[in-house]
């Protein structure tokens, strides 16, 4: 009986089905699982950073896309005087 159990144990050991073999396999699987979890966390962080950068790029593009201000066309002396006064007011407010 004992001899038969030893033979069965040896066969299972060769096939990798013994308790020691399964313990080793489980340990390896645990290591791989922990690495997978770390990589998933890093992916999430990278996605967050990427989204933040894209938002900043979008705001920069919006700031750059300003329409040019059209200067008023002056046809008479009164309009010329008024436009010069407006420009002078803007200049004073600017400084």
N, C-alpha and C. Protein backbone atom coordinates (compact mmCIF):
# COMPACT_ATOMS: atom_id res chain seq x y z
N UNK A 1 0.82 -1.20 0.00
CA UNK A 1 0.00 0.00 0.00
C UNK A 1 0.86 1.26 0.00
N UNK A 2 1.88 1.24 0.90
CA UNK A 2 2.76 2.41 0.96
C UNK A 2 3.54 2.57 -0.35
N UNK A 3 3.95 1.47 -0.89
CA UNK A 3 4.69 1.50 -2.15
C UNK A 3 3.83 2.06 -3.28
N UNK A 4 2.56 1.68 -3.27
CA UNK A 4 1.63 2.17 -4.29
C UNK A 4 1.44 3.68 -4.15
N UNK A 5 1.33 4.16 -2.92
CA UNK A 5 1.15 5.60 -2.67
C UNK A 5 2.39 6.37 -3.13
N UNK A 6 3.57 5.79 -2.89
CA UNK A 6 4.81 6.44 -3.33
C UNK A 6 4.85 6.55 -4.85
N UNK A 7 4.45 5.47 -5.52
CA UNK A 7 4.45 5.46 -6.99
C UNK A 7 3.46 6.51 -7.51
N UNK A 8 2.28 6.58 -6.92
CA UNK A 8 1.27 7.56 -7.34
C UNK A 8 1.80 8.98 -7.09
N UNK A 9 2.43 9.19 -5.92
CA UNK A 9 3.01 10.50 -5.61
C UNK A 9 4.09 10.90 -6.60
N UNK A 10 4.93 9.94 -7.00
CA UNK A 10 5.99 10.22 -7.97
C UNK A 10 5.40 10.59 -9.33
N UNK A 11 4.36 9.86 -9.73
CA UNK A 11 3.73 10.15 -11.03
C UNK A 11 3.10 11.54 -11.01
N UNK A 12 2.41 11.85 -9.92
CA UNK A 12 1.80 13.19 -9.82
C UNK A 12 2.87 14.27 -9.78
N UNK A 13 3.99 14.00 -9.11
CA UNK A 13 5.09 14.97 -9.07
C UNK A 13 5.67 15.21 -10.45
N UNK A 14 5.80 14.15 -11.22
CA UNK A 14 6.33 14.28 -12.58
C UNK A 14 5.37 15.09 -13.44
N UNK A 15 4.09 14.85 -13.27
CA UNK A 15 3.08 15.57 -14.06
C UNK A 15 2.88 17.01 -13.57
N UNK A 16 3.40 17.35 -12.40
CA UNK A 16 3.24 18.70 -11.86
C UNK A 16 1.93 18.89 -11.13
N UNK A 17 1.37 17.82 -10.60
CA UNK A 17 0.09 17.91 -9.90
C UNK A 17 0.24 17.71 -8.40
N UNK A 18 1.46 17.63 -7.91
CA UNK A 18 1.64 17.43 -6.47
C UNK A 18 1.41 18.73 -5.72
N UNK A 19 1.35 18.67 -4.41
CA UNK A 19 1.07 19.85 -3.59
C UNK A 19 2.17 20.89 -3.72
N UNK A 20 3.43 20.45 -3.78
CA UNK A 20 4.54 21.39 -3.91
C UNK A 20 4.47 22.12 -5.25
N UNK A 21 4.16 21.39 -6.29
CA UNK A 21 4.09 21.99 -7.62
C UNK A 21 2.97 23.01 -7.70
N UNK A 22 1.81 22.68 -7.13
CA UNK A 22 0.69 23.63 -7.18
C UNK A 22 1.00 24.86 -6.35
N UNK A 23 1.71 24.67 -5.23
CA UNK A 23 2.08 25.83 -4.41
C UNK A 23 3.01 26.76 -5.18
N UNK A 24 3.95 26.20 -5.91
CA UNK A 24 4.85 27.02 -6.71
C UNK A 24 4.10 27.77 -7.80
N UNK A 25 3.17 27.06 -8.46
CA UNK A 25 2.39 27.68 -9.52
C UNK A 25 1.55 28.83 -8.97
N UNK A 26 0.94 28.60 -7.80
CA UNK A 26 0.12 29.65 -7.19
C UNK A 26 0.96 30.86 -6.83
N UNK A 27 2.18 30.64 -6.34
CA UNK A 27 3.06 31.75 -6.00
C UNK A 27 3.41 32.56 -7.25
N UNK A 28 3.70 31.86 -8.35
CA UNK A 28 4.02 32.56 -9.59
C UNK A 28 2.82 33.36 -10.09
N UNK A 29 1.64 32.78 -10.00
CA UNK A 29 0.43 33.46 -10.44
C UNK A 29 0.20 34.71 -9.59
N UNK A 30 0.47 34.62 -8.28
CA UNK A 30 0.30 35.77 -7.41
C UNK A 30 1.23 36.89 -7.81
N UNK A 31 2.47 36.57 -8.12
CA UNK A 31 3.44 37.58 -8.55
C UNK A 31 2.96 38.27 -9.82
N UNK A 32 2.48 37.47 -10.75
CA UNK A 32 2.00 38.03 -12.02
C UNK A 32 0.78 38.93 -11.77
N UNK A 33 -0.12 38.50 -10.91
CA UNK A 33 -1.31 39.29 -10.60
C UNK A 33 -0.94 40.63 -9.98
N UNK A 34 0.03 40.63 -9.08
CA UNK A 34 0.44 41.90 -8.47
C UNK A 34 1.04 42.83 -9.51
N UNK A 35 1.82 42.28 -10.45
CA UNK A 35 2.39 43.11 -11.51
C UNK A 35 1.30 43.68 -12.39
N UNK A 36 0.29 42.87 -12.68
CA UNK A 36 -0.82 43.33 -13.52
C UNK A 36 -1.56 44.48 -12.83
N UNK A 37 -1.77 44.36 -11.53
CA UNK A 37 -2.45 45.42 -10.78
C UNK A 37 -1.65 46.71 -10.82
N UNK A 38 -0.33 46.61 -10.65
CA UNK A 38 0.52 47.80 -10.69
C UNK A 38 0.45 48.47 -12.05
N UNK A 39 0.48 47.66 -13.09
CA UNK A 39 0.44 48.22 -14.45
C UNK A 39 -0.90 48.91 -14.70
N UNK A 40 -1.98 48.32 -14.20
CA UNK A 40 -3.30 48.95 -14.38
C UNK A 40 -3.34 50.31 -13.68
N UNK A 41 -2.78 50.38 -12.48
CA UNK A 41 -2.75 51.65 -11.75
C UNK A 41 -1.95 52.69 -12.52
N UNK A 42 -0.81 52.28 -13.06
CA UNK A 42 0.02 53.20 -13.84
C UNK A 42 -0.71 53.68 -15.08
N UNK A 43 -1.46 52.78 -15.72
CA UNK A 43 -2.24 53.17 -16.90
C UNK A 43 -3.25 54.25 -16.55
N UNK A 44 -3.93 54.09 -15.41
CA UNK A 44 -4.92 55.08 -14.99
C UNK A 44 -4.26 56.43 -14.77
N UNK A 45 -3.08 56.43 -14.13
CA UNK A 45 -2.38 57.68 -13.89
C UNK A 45 -1.98 58.35 -15.20
N UNK A 46 -1.50 57.56 -16.14
CA UNK A 46 -1.10 58.11 -17.43
C UNK A 46 -2.31 58.70 -18.15
N UNK A 47 -3.44 58.01 -18.08
CA UNK A 47 -4.66 58.54 -18.72
C UNK A 47 -5.06 59.87 -18.11
N UNK A 48 -4.98 59.98 -16.79
CA UNK A 48 -5.35 61.24 -16.13
C UNK A 48 -4.43 62.37 -16.58
N UNK A 49 -3.14 62.09 -16.63
CA UNK A 49 -2.19 63.11 -17.07
C UNK A 49 -2.44 63.50 -18.52
N UNK A 50 -2.75 62.51 -19.35
CA UNK A 50 -3.01 62.77 -20.77
C UNK A 50 -4.24 63.66 -20.94
N UNK A 51 -5.28 63.38 -20.17
CA UNK A 51 -6.50 64.19 -20.25
C UNK A 51 -6.21 65.63 -19.82
N UNK A 52 -5.42 65.78 -18.75
CA UNK A 52 -5.08 67.13 -18.29
C UNK A 52 -4.31 67.90 -19.35
N UNK A 53 -3.38 67.24 -20.00
CA UNK A 53 -2.59 67.91 -21.05
C UNK A 53 -3.48 68.28 -22.23
N UNK A 54 -4.40 67.41 -22.59
CA UNK A 54 -5.29 67.71 -23.71
C UNK A 54 -6.19 68.91 -23.38
N UNK A 55 -6.64 69.00 -22.14
CA UNK A 55 -7.46 70.16 -21.75
C UNK A 55 -6.65 71.45 -21.85
N UNK A 56 -5.40 71.40 -21.41
CA UNK A 56 -4.55 72.59 -21.50
C UNK A 56 -4.33 72.99 -22.96
N UNK A 57 -4.12 72.00 -23.82
CA UNK A 57 -3.93 72.29 -25.24
C UNK A 57 -5.17 72.94 -25.83
N UNK A 58 -6.34 72.44 -25.42
CA UNK A 58 -7.60 72.99 -25.95
C UNK A 58 -7.76 74.44 -25.52
N UNK A 59 -7.43 74.75 -24.26
CA UNK A 59 -7.56 76.14 -23.81
C UNK A 59 -6.58 77.04 -24.54
N UNK A 60 -5.39 76.54 -24.82
CA UNK A 60 -4.41 77.34 -25.55
C UNK A 60 -4.89 77.61 -26.97
N UNK A 61 -5.46 76.59 -27.62
CA UNK A 61 -5.97 76.78 -28.97
C UNK A 61 -7.11 77.80 -28.99
N UNK A 62 -7.98 77.73 -27.98
CA UNK A 62 -9.08 78.69 -27.91
C UNK A 62 -8.55 80.10 -27.74
N UNK A 63 -7.52 80.26 -26.94
CA UNK A 63 -6.96 81.59 -26.71
C UNK A 63 -6.31 82.13 -27.98
N UNK A 64 -5.74 81.28 -28.80
CA UNK A 64 -5.08 81.73 -30.00
C UNK A 64 -6.06 82.09 -31.12
N UNK A 65 -7.22 81.52 -31.11
CA UNK A 65 -8.17 81.74 -32.19
C UNK A 65 -9.04 82.97 -31.90
N UNK A 66 -8.44 84.15 -31.92
CA UNK A 66 -9.21 85.38 -31.75
C UNK A 66 -9.40 86.04 -33.12
N UNK A 67 -10.56 86.59 -33.31
CA UNK A 67 -10.84 87.27 -34.56
C UNK A 67 -10.12 88.62 -34.56
N UNK A 68 -9.58 89.04 -35.68
CA UNK A 68 -8.92 90.34 -35.73
C UNK A 68 -9.94 91.47 -35.62
N UNK A 69 -9.56 92.50 -34.90
CA UNK A 69 -10.46 93.63 -34.70
C UNK A 69 -10.43 94.50 -35.95
N UNK A 70 -11.60 94.78 -36.48
CA UNK A 70 -11.69 95.57 -37.70
C UNK A 70 -11.66 97.05 -37.35
N UNK A 71 -10.77 97.78 -38.00
CA UNK A 71 -10.66 99.22 -37.76
C UNK A 71 -11.79 99.93 -38.49
N UNK A 72 -12.38 100.93 -37.84
CA UNK A 72 -13.49 101.64 -38.51
C UNK A 72 -12.98 102.46 -39.69
N UNK A 73 -13.74 102.46 -40.74
CA UNK A 73 -13.37 103.25 -41.91
C UNK A 73 -13.85 104.69 -41.70
N UNK A 74 -12.96 105.63 -41.90
CA UNK A 74 -13.26 107.05 -41.65
C UNK A 74 -13.50 107.73 -43.00
N UNK A 75 -14.69 108.39 -43.10
CA UNK A 75 -15.03 109.06 -44.36
C UNK A 75 -15.17 110.57 -44.18
N UNK A 76 -15.33 111.03 -42.93
CA UNK A 76 -15.48 112.47 -42.75
C UNK A 76 -14.60 112.96 -41.61
N UNK A 77 -14.48 114.27 -41.48
CA UNK A 77 -13.62 114.85 -40.46
C UNK A 77 -14.18 114.59 -39.07
N UNK A 78 -15.52 114.64 -38.91
CA UNK A 78 -16.13 114.39 -37.60
C UNK A 78 -15.82 112.96 -37.14
N UNK A 79 -15.97 112.02 -38.05
CA UNK A 79 -15.71 110.63 -37.70
C UNK A 79 -14.23 110.42 -37.38
N UNK A 80 -13.37 111.12 -38.09
CA UNK A 80 -11.93 111.01 -37.83
C UNK A 80 -11.61 111.51 -36.44
N UNK A 81 -12.19 112.67 -36.08
CA UNK A 81 -11.98 113.24 -34.75
C UNK A 81 -12.46 112.29 -33.66
N UNK A 82 -13.64 111.72 -33.87
CA UNK A 82 -14.22 110.81 -32.87
C UNK A 82 -13.37 109.55 -32.73
N UNK A 83 -12.90 109.03 -33.84
CA UNK A 83 -12.10 107.80 -33.75
C UNK A 83 -10.77 108.08 -33.08
N UNK A 84 -10.17 109.25 -33.32
CA UNK A 84 -8.92 109.60 -32.64
C UNK A 84 -9.12 109.74 -31.14
N UNK A 85 -10.25 110.32 -30.76
CA UNK A 85 -10.55 110.44 -29.33
C UNK A 85 -10.71 109.06 -28.69
N UNK A 86 -11.41 108.18 -29.39
CA UNK A 86 -11.59 106.81 -28.87
C UNK A 86 -10.24 106.11 -28.70
N UNK A 87 -9.39 106.28 -29.70
CA UNK A 87 -8.07 105.65 -29.61
C UNK A 87 -7.25 106.24 -28.46
N UNK A 88 -7.39 107.54 -28.25
CA UNK A 88 -6.66 108.18 -27.16
C UNK A 88 -7.16 107.65 -25.82
N UNK A 89 -8.48 107.46 -25.70
CA UNK A 89 -9.04 106.91 -24.45
C UNK A 89 -8.51 105.50 -24.20
N UNK A 90 -8.48 104.71 -25.25
CA UNK A 90 -7.96 103.35 -25.11
C UNK A 90 -6.48 103.37 -24.71
N UNK A 91 -5.74 104.29 -25.30
CA UNK A 91 -4.32 104.39 -25.00
C UNK A 91 -4.10 104.77 -23.54
N UNK A 92 -4.91 105.69 -23.05
CA UNK A 92 -4.78 106.12 -21.63
C UNK A 92 -5.16 104.97 -20.71
N UNK A 93 -6.22 104.23 -21.04
CA UNK A 93 -6.62 103.10 -20.21
C UNK A 93 -5.58 101.99 -20.26
N UNK A 94 -4.93 101.86 -21.39
CA UNK A 94 -3.93 100.81 -21.54
C UNK A 94 -2.73 101.08 -20.64
N UNK A 95 -2.32 102.36 -20.58
CA UNK A 95 -1.17 102.70 -19.73
C UNK A 95 -1.67 103.02 -18.38
